All heavy atoms as atom14 arrays in JSON, in Angstrom:
{
  "sequence": "TALALLHPAGQPAAAAAVTALAGVSTPPLEAAL",
  "atom14_mask": [
    [1, 1, 1, 1, 1, 1, 1, 0, 0, 0, 0, 0, 0, 0],
    [1, 1, 1, 1, 1, 0, 0, 0, 0, 0, 0, 0, 0, 0],
    [1, 1, 1, 1, 1, 1, 1, 1, 0, 0, 0, 0, 0, 0],
    [1, 1, 1, 1, 1, 0, 0, 0, 0, 0, 0, 0, 0, 0],
    [1, 1, 1, 1, 1, 1, 1, 1, 0, 0, 0, 0, 0, 0],
    [1, 1, 1, 1, 1, 1, 1, 1, 0, 0, 0, 0, 0, 0],
    [1, 1, 1, 1, 1, 1, 1, 1, 1, 1, 0, 0, 0, 0],
    [1, 1, 1, 1, 1, 1, 1, 0, 0, 0, 0, 0, 0, 0],
    [1, 1, 1, 1, 1, 0, 0, 0, 0, 0, 0, 0, 0, 0],
    [1, 1, 1, 1, 0, 0, 0, 0, 0, 0, 0, 0, 0, 0],
    [1, 1, 1, 1, 1, 1, 1, 1, 1, 0, 0, 0, 0, 0],
    [1, 1, 1, 1, 1, 1, 1, 0, 0, 0, 0, 0, 0, 0],
    [1, 1, 1, 1, 1, 0, 0, 0, 0, 0, 0, 0, 0, 0],
    [1, 1, 1, 1, 1, 0, 0, 0, 0, 0, 0, 0, 0, 0],
    [1, 1, 1, 1, 1, 0, 0, 0, 0, 0, 0, 0, 0, 0],
    [1, 1, 1, 1, 1, 0, 0, 0, 0, 0, 0, 0, 0, 0],
    [1, 1, 1, 1, 1, 0, 0, 0, 0, 0, 0, 0, 0, 0],
    [1, 1, 1, 1, 1, 1, 1, 0, 0, 0, 0, 0, 0, 0],
    [1, 1, 1, 1, 1, 1, 1, 0, 0, 0, 0, 0, 0, 0],
    [1, 1, 1, 1, 1, 0, 0, 0, 0, 0, 0, 0, 0, 0],
    [1, 1, 1, 1, 1, 1, 1, 1, 0, 0, 0, 0, 0, 0],
    [1, 1, 1, 1, 1, 0, 0, 0, 0, 0, 0, 0, 0, 0],
    [1, 1, 1, 1, 0, 0, 0, 0, 0, 0, 0, 0, 0, 0],
    [1, 1, 1, 1, 1, 1, 1, 0, 0, 0, 0, 0, 0, 0],
    [1, 1, 1, 1, 1, 1, 0, 0, 0, 0, 0, 0, 0, 0],
    [1, 1, 1, 1, 1, 1, 1, 0, 0, 0, 0, 0, 0, 0],
    [1, 1, 1, 1, 1, 1, 1, 0, 0, 0, 0, 0, 0, 0],
    [1, 1, 1, 1, 1, 1, 1, 0, 0, 0, 0, 0, 0, 0],
    [1, 1, 1, 1, 1, 1, 1, 1, 0, 0, 0, 0, 0, 0],
    [1, 1, 1, 1, 1, 1, 1, 1, 1, 0, 0, 0, 0, 0],
    [1, 1, 1, 1, 1, 0, 0, 0, 0, 0, 0, 0, 0, 0],
    [1, 1, 1, 1, 1, 0, 0, 0, 0, 0, 0, 0, 0, 0],
    [1, 1, 1, 1, 1, 1, 1, 1, 0, 0, 0, 0, 0, 0]
  ],
  "atom14_positions": [
    [[0.83, -1.21, 0.01], [0.0, -0.01, -0.01], [0.86, 1.26, 0.01], [0.6, 2.21, -0.74], [-0.93, 0.01, 1.23], [-1.73, -1.21, 1.22], [-1.86, 1.22, 1.19], [0.0, 0.0, 0.0], [0.0, 0.0, 0.0], [0.0, 0.0, 0.0], [0.0, 0.0, 0.0], [0.0, 0.0, 0.0], [0.0, 0.0, 0.0], [0.0, 0.0, 0.0]],
    [[1.91, 1.25, 0.83], [2.84, 2.37, 0.86], [3.55, 2.59, -0.46], [3.73, 3.7, -0.92], [3.85, 2.19, 1.99], [0.0, 0.0, 0.0], [0.0, 0.0, 0.0], [0.0, 0.0, 0.0], [0.0, 0.0, 0.0], [0.0, 0.0, 0.0], [0.0, 0.0, 0.0], [0.0, 0.0, 0.0], [0.0, 0.0, 0.0], [0.0, 0.0, 0.0]],
    [[3.92, 1.46, -1.07], [4.65, 1.54, -2.36], [3.71, 2.1, -3.43], [4.17, 2.85, -4.32], [5.1, 0.16, -2.76], [6.06, 0.04, -3.92], [7.33, 0.84, -3.68], [6.39, -1.42, -4.21], [0.0, 0.0, 0.0], [0.0, 0.0, 0.0], [0.0, 0.0, 0.0], [0.0, 0.0, 0.0], [0.0, 0.0, 0.0], [0.0, 0.0, 0.0]],
    [[2.41, 1.83, -3.35], [1.45, 2.38, -4.31], [1.28, 3.86, -4.17], [0.96, 4.56, -5.15], [0.1, 1.67, -4.14], [0.0, 0.0, 0.0], [0.0, 0.0, 0.0], [0.0, 0.0, 0.0], [0.0, 0.0, 0.0], [0.0, 0.0, 0.0], [0.0, 0.0, 0.0], [0.0, 0.0, 0.0], [0.0, 0.0, 0.0], [0.0, 0.0, 0.0]],
    [[1.53, 4.37, -2.97], [1.39, 5.81, -2.7], [2.69, 6.58, -2.93], [2.64, 7.84, -2.98], [0.88, 6.02, -1.27], [-0.48, 5.38, -0.95], [-0.8, 5.56, 0.54], [-1.58, 5.99, -1.81], [0.0, 0.0, 0.0], [0.0, 0.0, 0.0], [0.0, 0.0, 0.0], [0.0, 0.0, 0.0], [0.0, 0.0, 0.0], [0.0, 0.0, 0.0]],
    [[3.83, 5.9, -3.03], [5.1, 6.54, -3.17], [5.32, 6.98, -4.62], [4.7, 6.47, -5.54], [6.23, 5.63, -2.76], [6.59, 5.54, -1.27], [7.66, 4.45, -1.09], [7.1, 6.89, -0.73], [0.0, 0.0, 0.0], [0.0, 0.0, 0.0], [0.0, 0.0, 0.0], [0.0, 0.0, 0.0], [0.0, 0.0, 0.0], [0.0, 0.0, 0.0]],
    [[6.29, 7.93, -4.8], [6.77, 8.24, -6.14], [8.2, 7.7, -6.2], [9.14, 8.38, -5.8], [6.75, 9.75, -6.35], [5.36, 10.33, -6.38], [4.52, 10.14, -7.48], [4.69, 11.05, -5.48], [3.39, 10.73, -7.24], [3.44, 11.3, -6.03], [0.0, 0.0, 0.0], [0.0, 0.0, 0.0], [0.0, 0.0, 0.0], [0.0, 0.0, 0.0]],
    [[8.38, 6.47, -6.69], [9.66, 5.81, -6.61], [10.78, 6.55, -7.35], [11.95, 6.54, -6.94], [9.42, 4.42, -7.2], [8.15, 4.57, -7.99], [7.36, 5.59, -7.3], [0.0, 0.0, 0.0], [0.0, 0.0, 0.0], [0.0, 0.0, 0.0], [0.0, 0.0, 0.0], [0.0, 0.0, 0.0], [0.0, 0.0, 0.0], [0.0, 0.0, 0.0]],
    [[10.44, 7.26, -8.44], [11.46, 7.98, -9.2], [12.05, 9.11, -8.35], [13.25, 9.4, -8.42], [10.91, 8.51, -10.47], [0.0, 0.0, 0.0], [0.0, 0.0, 0.0], [0.0, 0.0, 0.0], [0.0, 0.0, 0.0], [0.0, 0.0, 0.0], [0.0, 0.0, 0.0], [0.0, 0.0, 0.0], [0.0, 0.0, 0.0], [0.0, 0.0, 0.0]],
    [[11.25, 9.75, -7.55], [11.71, 10.84, -6.71], [12.18, 10.4, -5.35], [12.86, 11.16, -4.64], [0.0, 0.0, 0.0], [0.0, 0.0, 0.0], [0.0, 0.0, 0.0], [0.0, 0.0, 0.0], [0.0, 0.0, 0.0], [0.0, 0.0, 0.0], [0.0, 0.0, 0.0], [0.0, 0.0, 0.0], [0.0, 0.0, 0.0], [0.0, 0.0, 0.0]],
    [[11.82, 9.22, -4.91], [12.16, 8.72, -3.58], [12.71, 7.29, -3.7], [12.13, 6.34, -3.18], [10.92, 8.72, -2.66], [10.3, 10.12, -2.47], [8.97, 10.02, -1.8], [7.96, 9.65, -2.39], [8.93, 10.34, -0.49], [0.0, 0.0, 0.0], [0.0, 0.0, 0.0], [0.0, 0.0, 0.0], [0.0, 0.0, 0.0], [0.0, 0.0, 0.0]],
    [[13.81, 7.11, -4.38], [14.3, 5.74, -4.63], [14.72, 5.01, -3.38], [14.47, 3.81, -3.29], [15.53, 5.97, -5.57], [15.93, 7.39, -5.35], [14.66, 8.13, -5.05], [0.0, 0.0, 0.0], [0.0, 0.0, 0.0], [0.0, 0.0, 0.0], [0.0, 0.0, 0.0], [0.0, 0.0, 0.0], [0.0, 0.0, 0.0], [0.0, 0.0, 0.0]],
    [[15.3, 5.71, -2.41], [15.72, 5.04, -1.17], [14.49, 4.53, -0.39], [14.48, 3.4, 0.1], [16.57, 5.99, -0.33], [0.0, 0.0, 0.0], [0.0, 0.0, 0.0], [0.0, 0.0, 0.0], [0.0, 0.0, 0.0], [0.0, 0.0, 0.0], [0.0, 0.0, 0.0], [0.0, 0.0, 0.0], [0.0, 0.0, 0.0], [0.0, 0.0, 0.0]],
    [[13.51, 5.39, -0.27], [12.28, 4.98, 0.43], [11.58, 3.85, -0.31], [11.08, 2.9, 0.31], [11.34, 6.18, 0.57], [0.0, 0.0, 0.0], [0.0, 0.0, 0.0], [0.0, 0.0, 0.0], [0.0, 0.0, 0.0], [0.0, 0.0, 0.0], [0.0, 0.0, 0.0], [0.0, 0.0, 0.0], [0.0, 0.0, 0.0], [0.0, 0.0, 0.0]],
    [[11.55, 3.94, -1.65], [10.95, 2.87, -2.44], [11.67, 1.56, -2.24], [11.05, 0.49, -2.14], [10.91, 3.26, -3.92], [0.0, 0.0, 0.0], [0.0, 0.0, 0.0], [0.0, 0.0, 0.0], [0.0, 0.0, 0.0], [0.0, 0.0, 0.0], [0.0, 0.0, 0.0], [0.0, 0.0, 0.0], [0.0, 0.0, 0.0], [0.0, 0.0, 0.0]],
    [[13.0, 1.59, -2.18], [13.78, 0.37, -1.98], [13.5, -0.23, -0.62], [13.38, -1.46, -0.47], [15.26, 0.66, -2.14], [0.0, 0.0, 0.0], [0.0, 0.0, 0.0], [0.0, 0.0, 0.0], [0.0, 0.0, 0.0], [0.0, 0.0, 0.0], [0.0, 0.0, 0.0], [0.0, 0.0, 0.0], [0.0, 0.0, 0.0], [0.0, 0.0, 0.0]],
    [[13.4, 0.63, 0.42], [13.14, 0.14, 1.77], [11.78, -0.51, 1.86], [11.59, -1.6, 2.44], [13.27, 1.28, 2.77], [0.0, 0.0, 0.0], [0.0, 0.0, 0.0], [0.0, 0.0, 0.0], [0.0, 0.0, 0.0], [0.0, 0.0, 0.0], [0.0, 0.0, 0.0], [0.0, 0.0, 0.0], [0.0, 0.0, 0.0], [0.0, 0.0, 0.0]],
    [[10.78, 0.14, 1.28], [9.39, -0.39, 1.33], [9.33, -1.67, 0.5], [8.65, -2.66, 0.89], [8.4, 0.64, 0.81], [7.01, 0.05, 0.68], [8.38, 1.85, 1.76], [0.0, 0.0, 0.0], [0.0, 0.0, 0.0], [0.0, 0.0, 0.0], [0.0, 0.0, 0.0], [0.0, 0.0, 0.0], [0.0, 0.0, 0.0], [0.0, 0.0, 0.0]],
    [[9.99, -1.71, -0.63], [10.02, -2.92, -1.47], [10.66, -4.09, -0.74], [10.15, -5.23, -0.77], [10.77, -2.66, -2.79], [10.13, -1.59, -3.49], [10.8, -3.92, -3.64], [0.0, 0.0, 0.0], [0.0, 0.0, 0.0], [0.0, 0.0, 0.0], [0.0, 0.0, 0.0], [0.0, 0.0, 0.0], [0.0, 0.0, 0.0], [0.0, 0.0, 0.0]],
    [[11.73, -3.79, -0.01], [12.39, -4.86, 0.77], [11.48, -5.38, 1.87], [11.46, -6.58, 2.14], [13.7, -4.31, 1.38], [0.0, 0.0, 0.0], [0.0, 0.0, 0.0], [0.0, 0.0, 0.0], [0.0, 0.0, 0.0], [0.0, 0.0, 0.0], [0.0, 0.0, 0.0], [0.0, 0.0, 0.0], [0.0, 0.0, 0.0], [0.0, 0.0, 0.0]],
    [[10.73, -4.5, 2.51], [9.79, -4.9, 3.54], [8.69, -5.78, 2.94], [8.31, -6.8, 3.52], [9.18, -3.68, 4.24], [8.09, -3.98, 5.29], [8.68, -4.83, 6.43], [7.49, -2.69, 5.82], [0.0, 0.0, 0.0], [0.0, 0.0, 0.0], [0.0, 0.0, 0.0], [0.0, 0.0, 0.0], [0.0, 0.0, 0.0], [0.0, 0.0, 0.0]],
    [[8.2, -5.39, 1.77], [7.16, -6.2, 1.09], [7.7, -7.6, 0.78], [7.0, -8.61, 0.93], [6.71, -5.53, -0.18], [0.0, 0.0, 0.0], [0.0, 0.0, 0.0], [0.0, 0.0, 0.0], [0.0, 0.0, 0.0], [0.0, 0.0, 0.0], [0.0, 0.0, 0.0], [0.0, 0.0, 0.0], [0.0, 0.0, 0.0], [0.0, 0.0, 0.0]],
    [[8.98, -7.66, 0.39], [9.55, -8.98, 0.03], [9.83, -9.85, 1.23], [9.44, -10.99, 1.28], [0.0, 0.0, 0.0], [0.0, 0.0, 0.0], [0.0, 0.0, 0.0], [0.0, 0.0, 0.0], [0.0, 0.0, 0.0], [0.0, 0.0, 0.0], [0.0, 0.0, 0.0], [0.0, 0.0, 0.0], [0.0, 0.0, 0.0], [0.0, 0.0, 0.0]],
    [[10.48, -9.27, 2.24], [10.9, -10.05, 3.39], [9.7, -10.55, 4.22], [9.8, -11.54, 4.95], [11.89, -9.27, 4.26], [11.18, -8.28, 5.15], [12.8, -10.18, 5.07], [0.0, 0.0, 0.0], [0.0, 0.0, 0.0], [0.0, 0.0, 0.0], [0.0, 0.0, 0.0], [0.0, 0.0, 0.0], [0.0, 0.0, 0.0], [0.0, 0.0, 0.0]],
    [[8.58, -9.85, 4.09], [7.4, -10.24, 4.87], [6.41, -11.05, 4.02], [5.26, -11.2, 4.4], [6.68, -8.99, 5.42], [6.31, -8.12, 4.38], [0.0, 0.0, 0.0], [0.0, 0.0, 0.0], [0.0, 0.0, 0.0], [0.0, 0.0, 0.0], [0.0, 0.0, 0.0], [0.0, 0.0, 0.0], [0.0, 0.0, 0.0], [0.0, 0.0, 0.0]],
    [[6.86, -11.59, 2.9], [5.98, -12.45, 2.07], [5.5, -13.62, 2.92], [6.29, -14.4, 3.46], [6.78, -12.99, 0.86], [7.23, -11.88, 0.06], [5.92, -13.94, 0.01], [0.0, 0.0, 0.0], [0.0, 0.0, 0.0], [0.0, 0.0, 0.0], [0.0, 0.0, 0.0], [0.0, 0.0, 0.0], [0.0, 0.0, 0.0], [0.0, 0.0, 0.0]],
    [[4.19, -13.79, 3.06], [3.66, -14.89, 3.91], [4.16, -16.24, 3.42], [4.12, -16.54, 2.25], [2.14, -14.75, 3.73], [1.93, -13.33, 3.37], [3.1, -12.94, 2.53], [0.0, 0.0, 0.0], [0.0, 0.0, 0.0], [0.0, 0.0, 0.0], [0.0, 0.0, 0.0], [0.0, 0.0, 0.0], [0.0, 0.0, 0.0], [0.0, 0.0, 0.0]],
    [[4.65, -17.08, 4.35], [5.23, -18.36, 3.95], [4.15, -19.43, 3.72], [4.08, -20.46, 4.38], [6.1, -18.72, 5.18], [5.37, -18.12, 6.33], [4.75, -16.84, 5.81], [0.0, 0.0, 0.0], [0.0, 0.0, 0.0], [0.0, 0.0, 0.0], [0.0, 0.0, 0.0], [0.0, 0.0, 0.0], [0.0, 0.0, 0.0], [0.0, 0.0, 0.0]],
    [[3.29, -19.16, 2.74], [2.16, -20.04, 2.51], [2.56, -21.42, 2.0], [1.89, -22.41, 2.32], [1.19, -19.36, 1.54], [0.29, -18.31, 2.17], [-0.37, -17.46, 1.08], [-0.77, -18.95, 3.03], [0.0, 0.0, 0.0], [0.0, 0.0, 0.0], [0.0, 0.0, 0.0], [0.0, 0.0, 0.0], [0.0, 0.0, 0.0], [0.0, 0.0, 0.0]],
    [[3.59, -21.47, 1.2], [4.01, -22.79, 0.69], [4.45, -23.66, 1.85], [4.07, -24.87, 1.95], [5.13, -22.62, -0.32], [4.69, -22.02, -1.64], [5.84, -21.96, -2.64], [6.16, -22.96, -3.28], [6.45, -20.87, -2.76], [0.0, 0.0, 0.0], [0.0, 0.0, 0.0], [0.0, 0.0, 0.0], [0.0, 0.0, 0.0], [0.0, 0.0, 0.0]],
    [[5.29, -23.15, 2.72], [5.7, -23.9, 3.89], [4.54, -24.22, 4.82], [4.43, -25.34, 5.36], [6.8, -23.15, 4.66], [0.0, 0.0, 0.0], [0.0, 0.0, 0.0], [0.0, 0.0, 0.0], [0.0, 0.0, 0.0], [0.0, 0.0, 0.0], [0.0, 0.0, 0.0], [0.0, 0.0, 0.0], [0.0, 0.0, 0.0], [0.0, 0.0, 0.0]],
    [[3.66, -23.25, 4.96], [2.51, -23.44, 5.86], [1.61, -24.55, 5.36], [1.05, -25.34, 6.13], [1.69, -22.14, 5.96], [0.0, 0.0, 0.0], [0.0, 0.0, 0.0], [0.0, 0.0, 0.0], [0.0, 0.0, 0.0], [0.0, 0.0, 0.0], [0.0, 0.0, 0.0], [0.0, 0.0, 0.0], [0.0, 0.0, 0.0], [0.0, 0.0, 0.0]],
    [[1.45, -24.65, 4.03], [0.61, -25.7, 3.48], [1.28, -27.06, 3.6], [0.64, -28.05, 3.94], [0.34, -25.38, 1.97], [-0.52, -26.42, 1.21], [-1.9, -26.53, 1.84], [-0.63, -26.0, -0.26], [0.0, 0.0, 0.0], [0.0, 0.0, 0.0], [0.0, 0.0, 0.0], [0.0, 0.0, 0.0], [0.0, 0.0, 0.0], [0.0, 0.0, 0.0]]
  ]
}
């Protein structure tokens, strides 16, 4: 949601941090199943 509201071209560091958070918190559904 935050990434959708950001302007990544003007805020690349913030976009990278939010993108990393989105990736690292990917729900472990395959393992859970």
